[in-house]
């Protein structure tokens, strides 16, 4: 996709390289546009690179593997289809064009804040994992949702002979983890799926 943008000469020299604030603004936009249920999906969005020539926003399937189903409109929820490919991309391009034409710095330049909450929107595949680990299926917290995504994505990648990348985040010692919700059982399931 090519865009031709007229940029005033006086602004061109200062706006042809991206400022760090621009990457932070785009990251905030991606988080704000993403669907919000438990906050796990929004927490999975990271700013992978933020340099003067490249801004890379990444959506981690190992943290929220249901991103692909929402994006493609598969499954019970259709209203979020193309939230990355269309909605987020167009919003970022629009803001980039404004930045290139005006040279004005973005508004939000801090790390996005994501409020996490328990949810009652437990889907059939998540219910199956919860039942198999003797956990309740009425509500789910973001950490359990992340663990389920790790297990599902690892199994998917193994079945399709895809590279299994390690989960980037805090390393959790499953022996020391105590949870009334049984998340240590999910940790064990994830380690078994990975090996």
N, C-alpha and C. Protein backbone atom coordinates (compact mmCIF):
# COMPACT_ATOMS: atom_id res chain seq x y z
N UNK A 1 0.84 -1.16 0.00
CA UNK A 1 0.00 0.00 0.00
C UNK A 1 0.90 1.24 0.00
N UNK A 2 0.75 2.09 -0.99
CA UNK A 2 1.56 3.30 -1.10
C UNK A 2 0.72 4.53 -0.76
N UNK A 3 1.34 5.46 -0.06
CA UNK A 3 0.72 6.73 0.26
C UNK A 3 1.62 7.85 -0.24
N UNK A 4 1.02 8.84 -0.84
CA UNK A 4 1.77 10.02 -1.24
C UNK A 4 1.26 11.18 -0.40
N UNK A 5 2.14 11.74 0.41
CA UNK A 5 1.75 12.77 1.37
C UNK A 5 2.56 14.03 1.08
N UNK A 6 1.86 15.12 0.98
CA UNK A 6 2.56 16.39 0.82
C UNK A 6 2.95 16.91 2.19
N UNK A 7 4.24 17.12 2.37
CA UNK A 7 4.76 17.58 3.65
C UNK A 7 5.49 18.90 3.42
N UNK A 8 5.13 19.94 4.18
CA UNK A 8 5.84 21.23 4.04
C UNK A 8 7.33 21.06 4.29
N UNK A 9 8.16 21.77 3.52
CA UNK A 9 9.62 21.63 3.61
C UNK A 9 10.16 21.89 5.01
N UNK A 10 9.61 22.89 5.70
CA UNK A 10 10.11 23.21 7.03
C UNK A 10 9.84 22.10 8.04
N UNK A 11 8.79 21.32 7.82
CA UNK A 11 8.45 20.22 8.73
C UNK A 11 9.19 18.93 8.34
N UNK A 12 9.49 18.77 7.04
CA UNK A 12 10.08 17.53 6.54
C UNK A 12 11.36 17.15 7.28
N UNK A 13 12.25 18.10 7.48
CA UNK A 13 13.53 17.76 8.11
C UNK A 13 13.36 17.27 9.54
N UNK A 14 12.35 17.77 10.24
CA UNK A 14 12.18 17.34 11.63
C UNK A 14 11.28 16.12 11.78
N UNK A 15 10.42 15.84 10.80
CA UNK A 15 9.47 14.73 10.96
C UNK A 15 9.81 13.50 10.13
N UNK A 16 10.90 13.50 9.36
CA UNK A 16 11.20 12.33 8.53
C UNK A 16 11.76 11.17 9.35
N UNK A 17 12.24 11.42 10.55
CA UNK A 17 12.66 10.34 11.45
C UNK A 17 11.65 10.26 12.59
N UNK A 18 11.32 9.03 12.96
CA UNK A 18 10.33 8.83 14.02
C UNK A 18 10.92 9.20 15.37
N UNK A 19 10.12 9.85 16.17
CA UNK A 19 10.50 10.11 17.55
C UNK A 19 10.05 8.94 18.40
N UNK A 20 10.70 8.74 19.53
CA UNK A 20 10.30 7.66 20.44
C UNK A 20 8.85 7.83 20.88
N UNK A 21 8.43 9.07 21.04
CA UNK A 21 7.06 9.36 21.46
C UNK A 21 6.04 8.82 20.46
N UNK A 22 6.39 8.79 19.19
CA UNK A 22 5.48 8.30 18.16
C UNK A 22 5.20 6.81 18.35
N UNK A 23 6.24 6.03 18.61
CA UNK A 23 6.06 4.60 18.86
C UNK A 23 5.22 4.34 20.10
N UNK A 24 5.43 5.12 21.13
CA UNK A 24 4.64 4.97 22.36
C UNK A 24 3.17 5.31 22.09
N UNK A 25 2.93 6.33 21.28
CA UNK A 25 1.57 6.73 20.92
C UNK A 25 0.88 5.62 20.14
N UNK A 26 1.57 5.04 19.16
CA UNK A 26 0.99 3.96 18.37
C UNK A 26 0.70 2.74 19.24
N UNK A 27 1.58 2.45 20.17
CA UNK A 27 1.37 1.33 21.10
C UNK A 27 0.12 1.57 21.93
N UNK A 28 -0.03 2.78 22.45
CA UNK A 28 -1.24 3.13 23.21
C UNK A 28 -2.49 2.96 22.35
N UNK A 29 -2.41 3.38 21.11
CA UNK A 29 -3.57 3.25 20.21
C UNK A 29 -3.93 1.79 20.00
N UNK A 30 -2.94 0.94 19.76
CA UNK A 30 -3.19 -0.49 19.54
C UNK A 30 -3.86 -1.10 20.76
N UNK A 31 -3.41 -0.71 21.94
CA UNK A 31 -4.01 -1.24 23.18
C UNK A 31 -5.44 -0.73 23.34
N UNK A 32 -5.67 0.54 23.05
CA UNK A 32 -7.02 1.10 23.20
C UNK A 32 -8.02 0.50 22.21
N UNK A 33 -7.58 0.17 21.01
CA UNK A 33 -8.48 -0.36 19.97
C UNK A 33 -8.76 -1.85 20.20
N UNK A 34 -7.85 -2.57 20.84
CA UNK A 34 -8.00 -4.02 21.03
C UNK A 34 -9.23 -4.34 21.88
N UNK A 35 -9.91 -5.45 21.59
CA UNK A 35 -11.06 -5.87 22.40
C UNK A 35 -10.65 -6.05 23.85
N UNK A 36 -11.59 -5.79 24.75
CA UNK A 36 -11.28 -5.84 26.18
C UNK A 36 -12.30 -6.70 26.90
N UNK A 37 -11.83 -7.78 27.47
CA UNK A 37 -12.68 -8.63 28.30
C UNK A 37 -12.00 -8.78 29.66
N UNK A 38 -10.92 -9.55 29.70
CA UNK A 38 -10.18 -9.71 30.96
C UNK A 38 -8.96 -8.80 31.01
N UNK A 39 -8.54 -8.30 29.86
CA UNK A 39 -7.33 -7.48 29.77
C UNK A 39 -6.12 -8.27 29.31
N UNK A 40 -6.26 -9.59 29.20
CA UNK A 40 -5.13 -10.42 28.80
C UNK A 40 -4.68 -10.11 27.37
N UNK A 41 -5.62 -9.92 26.45
CA UNK A 41 -5.27 -9.60 25.07
C UNK A 41 -4.52 -8.27 25.02
N UNK A 42 -5.04 -7.26 25.68
CA UNK A 42 -4.37 -5.95 25.67
C UNK A 42 -2.99 -6.04 26.31
N UNK A 43 -2.84 -6.87 27.32
CA UNK A 43 -1.54 -7.04 27.98
C UNK A 43 -0.55 -7.75 27.07
N UNK A 44 -1.04 -8.50 26.09
CA UNK A 44 -0.16 -9.24 25.18
C UNK A 44 0.42 -8.37 24.08
N UNK A 45 -0.01 -7.14 23.95
CA UNK A 45 0.48 -6.23 22.91
C UNK A 45 1.74 -5.54 23.43
N UNK A 46 2.82 -5.64 22.66
CA UNK A 46 4.08 -5.04 23.09
C UNK A 46 4.66 -4.17 21.99
N UNK A 47 5.53 -3.28 22.39
CA UNK A 47 6.27 -2.44 21.45
C UNK A 47 7.63 -3.11 21.26
N UNK A 48 7.74 -3.93 20.22
CA UNK A 48 8.94 -4.74 20.02
C UNK A 48 10.15 -3.91 19.62
N UNK A 49 9.95 -2.88 18.82
CA UNK A 49 11.05 -1.98 18.49
C UNK A 49 10.50 -0.57 18.30
N UNK A 50 11.29 0.40 18.71
CA UNK A 50 10.87 1.79 18.64
C UNK A 50 12.11 2.64 18.35
N UNK A 51 12.48 2.69 17.07
CA UNK A 51 13.66 3.45 16.67
C UNK A 51 13.25 4.57 15.74
N UNK A 52 14.21 5.35 15.30
CA UNK A 52 13.92 6.47 14.42
C UNK A 52 13.48 6.03 13.02
N UNK A 53 13.72 4.76 12.69
CA UNK A 53 13.34 4.27 11.35
C UNK A 53 12.33 3.12 11.39
N UNK A 54 12.07 2.55 12.57
CA UNK A 54 11.18 1.39 12.63
C UNK A 54 10.41 1.36 13.94
N UNK A 55 9.10 1.22 13.81
CA UNK A 55 8.22 1.02 14.97
C UNK A 55 7.52 -0.31 14.74
N UNK A 56 7.65 -1.24 15.68
CA UNK A 56 7.08 -2.58 15.52
C UNK A 56 6.23 -2.89 16.74
N UNK A 57 4.93 -3.03 16.51
CA UNK A 57 4.00 -3.41 17.57
C UNK A 57 3.68 -4.88 17.37
N UNK A 58 3.82 -5.67 18.43
CA UNK A 58 3.68 -7.12 18.32
C UNK A 58 2.52 -7.62 19.20
N UNK A 59 1.79 -8.58 18.67
CA UNK A 59 0.70 -9.24 19.38
C UNK A 59 1.17 -10.67 19.67
N UNK A 60 1.27 -11.04 20.93
CA UNK A 60 1.82 -12.34 21.30
C UNK A 60 0.73 -13.41 21.36
N UNK A 61 0.83 -14.39 20.45
CA UNK A 61 -0.11 -15.51 20.48
C UNK A 61 0.17 -16.45 21.64
N UNK A 62 1.39 -16.44 22.16
CA UNK A 62 1.69 -17.28 23.32
C UNK A 62 1.04 -16.73 24.59
N UNK A 63 0.69 -15.48 24.59
CA UNK A 63 0.01 -14.89 25.74
C UNK A 63 -1.51 -14.86 25.55
N UNK A 64 -1.94 -14.72 24.31
CA UNK A 64 -3.37 -14.66 24.01
C UNK A 64 -3.60 -15.25 22.63
N UNK A 65 -3.65 -16.58 22.54
CA UNK A 65 -3.72 -17.20 21.22
C UNK A 65 -5.08 -17.01 20.55
N UNK A 66 -6.06 -16.53 21.27
CA UNK A 66 -7.37 -16.28 20.68
C UNK A 66 -7.38 -15.00 19.85
N UNK A 67 -6.26 -14.27 19.81
CA UNK A 67 -6.17 -13.08 18.97
C UNK A 67 -6.47 -13.45 17.51
N UNK A 68 -5.90 -14.57 17.06
CA UNK A 68 -6.09 -14.96 15.65
C UNK A 68 -7.55 -15.27 15.35
N UNK A 69 -8.28 -15.82 16.31
CA UNK A 69 -9.69 -16.14 16.09
C UNK A 69 -10.53 -14.86 16.05
N UNK A 70 -10.23 -13.93 16.94
CA UNK A 70 -10.94 -12.64 16.93
C UNK A 70 -10.64 -11.88 15.65
N UNK A 71 -9.37 -11.84 15.25
CA UNK A 71 -8.96 -11.11 14.05
C UNK A 71 -9.62 -11.67 12.80
N UNK A 72 -9.74 -12.98 12.71
CA UNK A 72 -10.32 -13.60 11.53
C UNK A 72 -11.83 -13.79 11.62
N UNK A 73 -12.43 -13.40 12.76
CA UNK A 73 -13.88 -13.52 12.93
C UNK A 73 -14.35 -14.95 13.04
N UNK A 74 -13.46 -15.83 13.55
CA UNK A 74 -13.82 -17.25 13.73
C UNK A 74 -14.35 -17.45 15.14
N UNK A 75 -15.26 -18.38 15.31
CA UNK A 75 -15.78 -18.66 16.63
C UNK A 75 -17.03 -17.84 16.93
N UNK A 76 -17.43 -17.80 18.19
CA UNK A 76 -18.69 -17.16 18.54
C UNK A 76 -18.69 -15.63 18.45
N UNK A 77 -17.54 -14.99 18.53
CA UNK A 77 -17.47 -13.53 18.52
C UNK A 77 -17.01 -13.04 17.15
N UNK A 78 -17.89 -12.36 16.44
CA UNK A 78 -17.58 -11.87 15.08
C UNK A 78 -17.33 -10.37 15.05
N UNK A 79 -17.76 -9.65 16.05
CA UNK A 79 -17.73 -8.18 15.99
C UNK A 79 -16.33 -7.58 16.02
N UNK A 80 -15.32 -8.35 16.39
CA UNK A 80 -13.95 -7.81 16.45
C UNK A 80 -13.10 -8.19 15.24
N UNK A 81 -13.72 -8.76 14.21
CA UNK A 81 -12.96 -9.17 13.02
C UNK A 81 -12.19 -7.99 12.44
N UNK A 82 -10.94 -8.25 12.09
CA UNK A 82 -10.05 -7.25 11.49
C UNK A 82 -9.74 -6.06 12.42
N UNK A 83 -9.74 -6.30 13.74
CA UNK A 83 -9.42 -5.20 14.64
C UNK A 83 -7.95 -4.79 14.54
N UNK A 84 -7.09 -5.68 14.06
CA UNK A 84 -5.68 -5.33 13.84
C UNK A 84 -5.49 -4.87 12.39
N UNK A 85 -5.85 -5.74 11.45
CA UNK A 85 -5.59 -5.50 10.04
C UNK A 85 -6.26 -4.28 9.46
N UNK A 86 -7.41 -3.91 9.98
CA UNK A 86 -8.12 -2.75 9.44
C UNK A 86 -8.17 -1.61 10.44
N UNK A 87 -8.83 -1.83 11.58
CA UNK A 87 -9.07 -0.73 12.52
C UNK A 87 -7.78 -0.14 13.08
N UNK A 88 -6.92 -0.98 13.62
CA UNK A 88 -5.68 -0.48 14.23
C UNK A 88 -4.75 0.09 13.16
N UNK A 89 -4.58 -0.63 12.08
CA UNK A 89 -3.67 -0.17 11.02
C UNK A 89 -4.10 1.18 10.47
N UNK A 90 -5.39 1.35 10.17
CA UNK A 90 -5.86 2.63 9.62
C UNK A 90 -5.72 3.77 10.62
N UNK A 91 -5.99 3.49 11.89
CA UNK A 91 -5.84 4.53 12.91
C UNK A 91 -4.38 4.99 13.02
N UNK A 92 -3.46 4.03 12.96
CA UNK A 92 -2.04 4.37 13.06
C UNK A 92 -1.57 5.12 11.82
N UNK A 93 -2.01 4.68 10.64
CA UNK A 93 -1.63 5.39 9.41
C UNK A 93 -2.17 6.81 9.43
N UNK A 94 -3.40 6.98 9.87
CA UNK A 94 -3.98 8.33 9.97
C UNK A 94 -3.15 9.23 10.88
N UNK A 95 -2.75 8.71 12.04
CA UNK A 95 -1.96 9.50 12.97
C UNK A 95 -0.55 9.76 12.43
N UNK A 96 0.00 8.80 11.69
CA UNK A 96 1.32 9.00 11.08
C UNK A 96 1.27 10.11 10.03
N UNK A 97 0.22 10.13 9.23
CA UNK A 97 0.06 11.18 8.23
C UNK A 97 -0.05 12.55 8.90
N UNK A 98 -0.82 12.62 9.96
CA UNK A 98 -0.95 13.89 10.69
C UNK A 98 0.40 14.31 11.25
N UNK A 99 1.15 13.36 11.79
CA UNK A 99 2.48 13.67 12.33
C UNK A 99 3.41 14.18 11.23
N UNK A 100 3.40 13.52 10.07
CA UNK A 100 4.28 13.93 8.97
C UNK A 100 3.90 15.30 8.41
N UNK A 101 2.62 15.62 8.41
CA UNK A 101 2.18 16.90 7.86
C UNK A 101 2.35 18.07 8.83
N UNK A 102 2.21 17.78 10.12
CA UNK A 102 2.24 18.88 11.10
C UNK A 102 3.51 18.92 11.93
N UNK A 103 4.15 17.76 12.14
CA UNK A 103 5.32 17.71 12.99
C UNK A 103 5.00 17.78 14.47
N UNK A 104 3.69 17.75 14.82
CA UNK A 104 3.29 17.83 16.24
C UNK A 104 3.54 16.51 16.94
N UNK A 105 4.02 16.60 18.17
CA UNK A 105 4.30 15.40 18.96
C UNK A 105 2.99 14.76 19.43
N UNK A 106 2.98 13.44 19.56
CA UNK A 106 1.78 12.73 20.01
C UNK A 106 1.38 13.08 21.43
N UNK A 107 0.11 12.75 21.77
CA UNK A 107 -0.43 13.08 23.08
C UNK A 107 0.02 12.12 24.18
N UNK A 108 -0.19 10.82 23.97
CA UNK A 108 0.11 9.83 25.01
C UNK A 108 1.45 9.18 24.72
N UNK A 109 2.41 9.39 25.59
CA UNK A 109 3.75 8.85 25.34
C UNK A 109 4.23 7.98 26.49
N UNK A 110 3.31 7.48 27.27
CA UNK A 110 3.68 6.59 28.38
C UNK A 110 3.31 5.16 28.02
N UNK A 111 3.86 4.22 28.79
CA UNK A 111 3.51 2.82 28.62
C UNK A 111 2.02 2.66 28.87
N UNK A 112 1.31 1.95 28.00
CA UNK A 112 -0.13 1.78 28.19
C UNK A 112 -0.44 1.06 29.49
N UNK A 113 -1.50 1.50 30.14
CA UNK A 113 -1.97 0.86 31.37
C UNK A 113 -3.13 -0.06 31.01
N UNK A 114 -3.06 -1.29 31.46
CA UNK A 114 -4.13 -2.25 31.20
C UNK A 114 -4.69 -2.72 32.53
N UNK A 115 -5.97 -2.49 32.72
CA UNK A 115 -6.64 -2.94 33.92
C UNK A 115 -7.10 -4.38 33.71
N UNK A 116 -6.69 -5.26 34.59
CA UNK A 116 -7.04 -6.68 34.48
C UNK A 116 -8.26 -6.97 35.34
N UNK A 117 -9.10 -7.87 34.86
CA UNK A 117 -10.28 -8.24 35.64
C UNK A 117 -10.70 -9.66 35.31
N UNK A 118 -11.42 -10.26 36.25
CA UNK A 118 -11.99 -11.58 36.01
C UNK A 118 -13.14 -11.42 35.01
N UNK A 119 -13.39 -12.46 34.25
CA UNK A 119 -14.44 -12.38 33.25
C UNK A 119 -15.34 -13.61 33.31
N UNK A 120 -16.57 -13.42 32.89
CA UNK A 120 -17.50 -14.54 32.81
C UNK A 120 -17.58 -15.08 31.39
N UNK A 121 -16.86 -14.44 30.46
CA UNK A 121 -16.88 -14.86 29.06
C UNK A 121 -15.92 -15.99 28.79
N UNK A 122 -16.17 -17.14 29.38
CA UNK A 122 -15.30 -18.30 29.18
C UNK A 122 -15.82 -19.06 27.96
N UNK A 123 -14.94 -19.30 26.98
CA UNK A 123 -15.34 -19.95 25.75
C UNK A 123 -15.17 -21.47 25.86
N UNK A 124 -15.81 -22.24 24.98
CA UNK A 124 -15.80 -23.70 25.09
C UNK A 124 -14.41 -24.33 25.21
N UNK A 125 -13.44 -23.87 24.43
CA UNK A 125 -12.10 -24.45 24.50
C UNK A 125 -11.45 -24.15 25.85
N UNK A 126 -11.69 -22.95 26.37
CA UNK A 126 -11.14 -22.61 27.69
C UNK A 126 -11.83 -23.43 28.77
N UNK A 127 -13.14 -23.64 28.63
CA UNK A 127 -13.87 -24.47 29.60
C UNK A 127 -13.31 -25.88 29.64
N UNK A 128 -12.96 -26.42 28.47
CA UNK A 128 -12.41 -27.78 28.42
C UNK A 128 -11.11 -27.86 29.21
N UNK A 129 -10.23 -26.86 29.05
CA UNK A 129 -8.99 -26.84 29.81
C UNK A 129 -9.27 -26.71 31.31
N UNK A 130 -10.19 -25.85 31.66
CA UNK A 130 -10.50 -25.66 33.08
C UNK A 130 -11.07 -26.93 33.69
N UNK A 131 -11.97 -27.59 32.96
CA UNK A 131 -12.54 -28.85 33.47
C UNK A 131 -11.47 -29.93 33.62
N UNK A 132 -10.55 -30.01 32.64
CA UNK A 132 -9.53 -31.05 32.70
C UNK A 132 -8.57 -30.84 33.85
N UNK A 133 -8.50 -29.63 34.36
CA UNK A 133 -7.62 -29.37 35.52
C UNK A 133 -8.42 -29.16 36.80
N UNK A 134 -9.68 -29.61 36.79
CA UNK A 134 -10.57 -29.53 37.96
C UNK A 134 -10.72 -28.10 38.49
N UNK A 135 -10.84 -27.16 37.58
CA UNK A 135 -11.04 -25.76 37.95
C UNK A 135 -12.46 -25.35 37.59
N UNK A 136 -12.98 -24.35 38.28
CA UNK A 136 -14.31 -23.83 38.00
C UNK A 136 -14.37 -23.19 36.63
N UNK A 137 -15.56 -23.22 36.04
CA UNK A 137 -15.71 -22.68 34.68
C UNK A 137 -16.63 -21.46 34.62
N UNK A 138 -16.99 -20.91 35.76
CA UNK A 138 -17.89 -19.75 35.75
C UNK A 138 -17.16 -18.46 35.40
N UNK A 139 -16.00 -18.22 36.02
CA UNK A 139 -15.21 -17.02 35.73
C UNK A 139 -13.77 -17.43 35.50
N UNK A 140 -13.03 -16.53 34.89
CA UNK A 140 -11.63 -16.80 34.59
C UNK A 140 -10.84 -15.51 34.77
N UNK A 141 -9.64 -15.62 35.34
CA UNK A 141 -8.82 -14.41 35.49
C UNK A 141 -7.79 -14.34 34.36
N UNK A 142 -7.20 -13.18 34.15
CA UNK A 142 -6.27 -13.00 33.02
C UNK A 142 -5.06 -13.93 33.06
N UNK A 143 -4.55 -14.25 34.24
CA UNK A 143 -3.38 -15.13 34.33
C UNK A 143 -3.72 -16.56 33.89
N UNK A 144 -4.90 -17.03 34.25
CA UNK A 144 -5.34 -18.36 33.81
C UNK A 144 -5.56 -18.34 32.30
N UNK A 145 -6.15 -17.26 31.80
CA UNK A 145 -6.38 -17.15 30.36
C UNK A 145 -5.05 -17.17 29.60
N UNK A 146 -4.03 -16.51 30.15
CA UNK A 146 -2.71 -16.51 29.51
C UNK A 146 -2.13 -17.93 29.50
N UNK A 147 -2.25 -18.64 30.61
CA UNK A 147 -1.71 -20.01 30.67
C UNK A 147 -2.42 -20.93 29.67
N UNK A 148 -3.74 -20.79 29.56
CA UNK A 148 -4.48 -21.60 28.60
C UNK A 148 -3.99 -21.29 27.18
N UNK A 149 -3.74 -20.02 26.89
CA UNK A 149 -3.22 -19.63 25.57
C UNK A 149 -1.86 -20.26 25.31
N UNK A 150 -1.00 -20.28 26.32
CA UNK A 150 0.32 -20.90 26.15
C UNK A 150 0.18 -22.38 25.79
N UNK A 151 -0.70 -23.07 26.47
CA UNK A 151 -0.90 -24.50 26.23
C UNK A 151 -1.48 -24.72 24.83
N UNK A 152 -2.53 -23.98 24.50
CA UNK A 152 -3.18 -24.16 23.20
C UNK A 152 -2.24 -23.81 22.05
N UNK A 153 -1.50 -22.71 22.18
CA UNK A 153 -0.60 -22.29 21.10
C UNK A 153 0.56 -23.26 20.95
N UNK A 154 1.09 -23.75 22.07
CA UNK A 154 2.18 -24.74 22.02
C UNK A 154 1.70 -26.01 21.33
N UNK A 155 0.52 -26.49 21.69
CA UNK A 155 -0.03 -27.69 21.05
C UNK A 155 -0.28 -27.46 19.56
N UNK A 156 -0.81 -26.30 19.21
CA UNK A 156 -1.07 -25.98 17.80
C UNK A 156 0.23 -25.98 17.00
N UNK A 157 1.27 -25.36 17.56
CA UNK A 157 2.55 -25.29 16.85
C UNK A 157 3.19 -26.67 16.70
N UNK A 158 3.05 -27.51 17.72
CA UNK A 158 3.59 -28.86 17.64
C UNK A 158 2.87 -29.66 16.55
N UNK A 159 1.54 -29.58 16.54
CA UNK A 159 0.75 -30.34 15.57
C UNK A 159 1.04 -29.91 14.14
N UNK A 160 1.39 -28.65 13.94
CA UNK A 160 1.63 -28.12 12.60
C UNK A 160 3.12 -27.96 12.28
N UNK A 161 3.96 -28.60 13.10
CA UNK A 161 5.42 -28.57 12.91
C UNK A 161 5.97 -27.15 12.76
N UNK A 162 5.46 -26.26 13.58
CA UNK A 162 5.93 -24.88 13.59
C UNK A 162 6.91 -24.69 14.75
N UNK A 163 7.72 -23.68 14.65
CA UNK A 163 8.70 -23.40 15.69
C UNK A 163 7.98 -23.02 17.00
N UNK A 164 8.41 -23.64 18.07
CA UNK A 164 7.85 -23.32 19.38
C UNK A 164 8.82 -22.37 20.06
N UNK A 165 8.37 -21.15 20.21
CA UNK A 165 9.20 -20.15 20.87
C UNK A 165 8.91 -20.17 22.35
N UNK A 166 9.90 -19.84 23.13
CA UNK A 166 9.68 -19.82 24.57
C UNK A 166 8.89 -18.57 24.93
N UNK A 167 8.13 -18.66 25.98
CA UNK A 167 7.32 -17.55 26.46
C UNK A 167 8.22 -16.51 27.10
N UNK A 168 8.12 -15.29 26.63
CA UNK A 168 8.91 -14.21 27.21
C UNK A 168 8.10 -13.53 28.29
N UNK A 169 8.61 -13.55 29.45
CA UNK A 169 7.92 -12.95 30.58
C UNK A 169 8.60 -13.41 31.84
N UNK A 170 7.97 -13.19 32.95
CA UNK A 170 8.57 -13.63 34.20
C UNK A 170 8.57 -15.15 34.25
N UNK A 171 9.71 -15.69 34.61
CA UNK A 171 9.79 -17.14 34.77
C UNK A 171 9.15 -17.49 36.11
N UNK A 172 8.26 -18.46 36.06
CA UNK A 172 7.51 -18.84 37.24
C UNK A 172 7.96 -20.21 37.70
N UNK A 173 8.33 -20.31 38.98
CA UNK A 173 8.67 -21.60 39.56
C UNK A 173 7.37 -22.26 39.97
N UNK A 174 6.93 -23.27 39.21
CA UNK A 174 5.64 -23.90 39.47
C UNK A 174 5.60 -24.61 40.81
N UNK A 175 6.75 -24.97 41.36
CA UNK A 175 6.76 -25.63 42.66
C UNK A 175 6.42 -24.65 43.79
N UNK A 176 6.77 -23.37 43.60
CA UNK A 176 6.51 -22.38 44.63
C UNK A 176 5.15 -21.71 44.45
N UNK A 177 4.53 -21.89 43.30
CA UNK A 177 3.27 -21.21 43.03
C UNK A 177 2.12 -21.91 43.73
N UNK A 178 1.37 -21.16 44.49
CA UNK A 178 0.19 -21.70 45.16
C UNK A 178 -0.98 -20.85 44.73
N UNK A 179 -2.02 -21.49 44.22
CA UNK A 179 -3.18 -20.76 43.76
C UNK A 179 -4.44 -21.56 44.04
N UNK A 180 -5.44 -20.93 44.64
CA UNK A 180 -6.68 -21.65 44.88
C UNK A 180 -7.40 -21.97 43.56
N UNK A 181 -7.06 -21.29 42.50
CA UNK A 181 -7.71 -21.52 41.21
C UNK A 181 -7.06 -22.67 40.44
N UNK A 182 -5.95 -23.21 40.92
CA UNK A 182 -5.32 -24.35 40.28
C UNK A 182 -4.42 -23.99 39.11
N UNK A 183 -3.89 -22.78 39.10
CA UNK A 183 -3.04 -22.37 37.98
C UNK A 183 -1.77 -23.22 37.91
N UNK A 184 -1.32 -23.79 39.04
CA UNK A 184 -0.13 -24.63 38.99
C UNK A 184 -0.38 -25.88 38.14
N UNK A 185 -1.60 -26.36 38.10
CA UNK A 185 -1.94 -27.49 37.24
C UNK A 185 -1.80 -27.07 35.78
N UNK A 186 -2.21 -25.84 35.45
CA UNK A 186 -2.07 -25.33 34.09
C UNK A 186 -0.60 -25.15 33.73
N UNK A 187 0.21 -24.72 34.71
CA UNK A 187 1.65 -24.61 34.48
C UNK A 187 2.23 -25.97 34.13
N UNK A 188 1.83 -26.99 34.84
CA UNK A 188 2.30 -28.35 34.58
C UNK A 188 1.86 -28.81 33.20
N UNK A 189 0.61 -28.52 32.84
CA UNK A 189 0.11 -28.89 31.51
C UNK A 189 0.91 -28.19 30.41
N UNK A 190 1.26 -26.92 30.64
CA UNK A 190 2.04 -26.17 29.66
C UNK A 190 3.42 -26.79 29.48
N UNK A 191 4.08 -27.13 30.59
CA UNK A 191 5.42 -27.73 30.52
C UNK A 191 5.37 -29.08 29.81
N UNK A 192 4.31 -29.85 30.06
CA UNK A 192 4.15 -31.14 29.38
C UNK A 192 3.93 -30.95 27.88
N UNK A 193 3.11 -29.94 27.53
CA UNK A 193 2.84 -29.68 26.11
C UNK A 193 4.10 -29.22 25.39
N UNK A 194 4.94 -28.46 26.09
CA UNK A 194 6.15 -27.91 25.49
C UNK A 194 7.20 -28.99 25.26
N UNK A 195 7.25 -30.01 26.16
CA UNK A 195 8.29 -31.04 26.02
C UNK A 195 7.92 -32.12 25.02
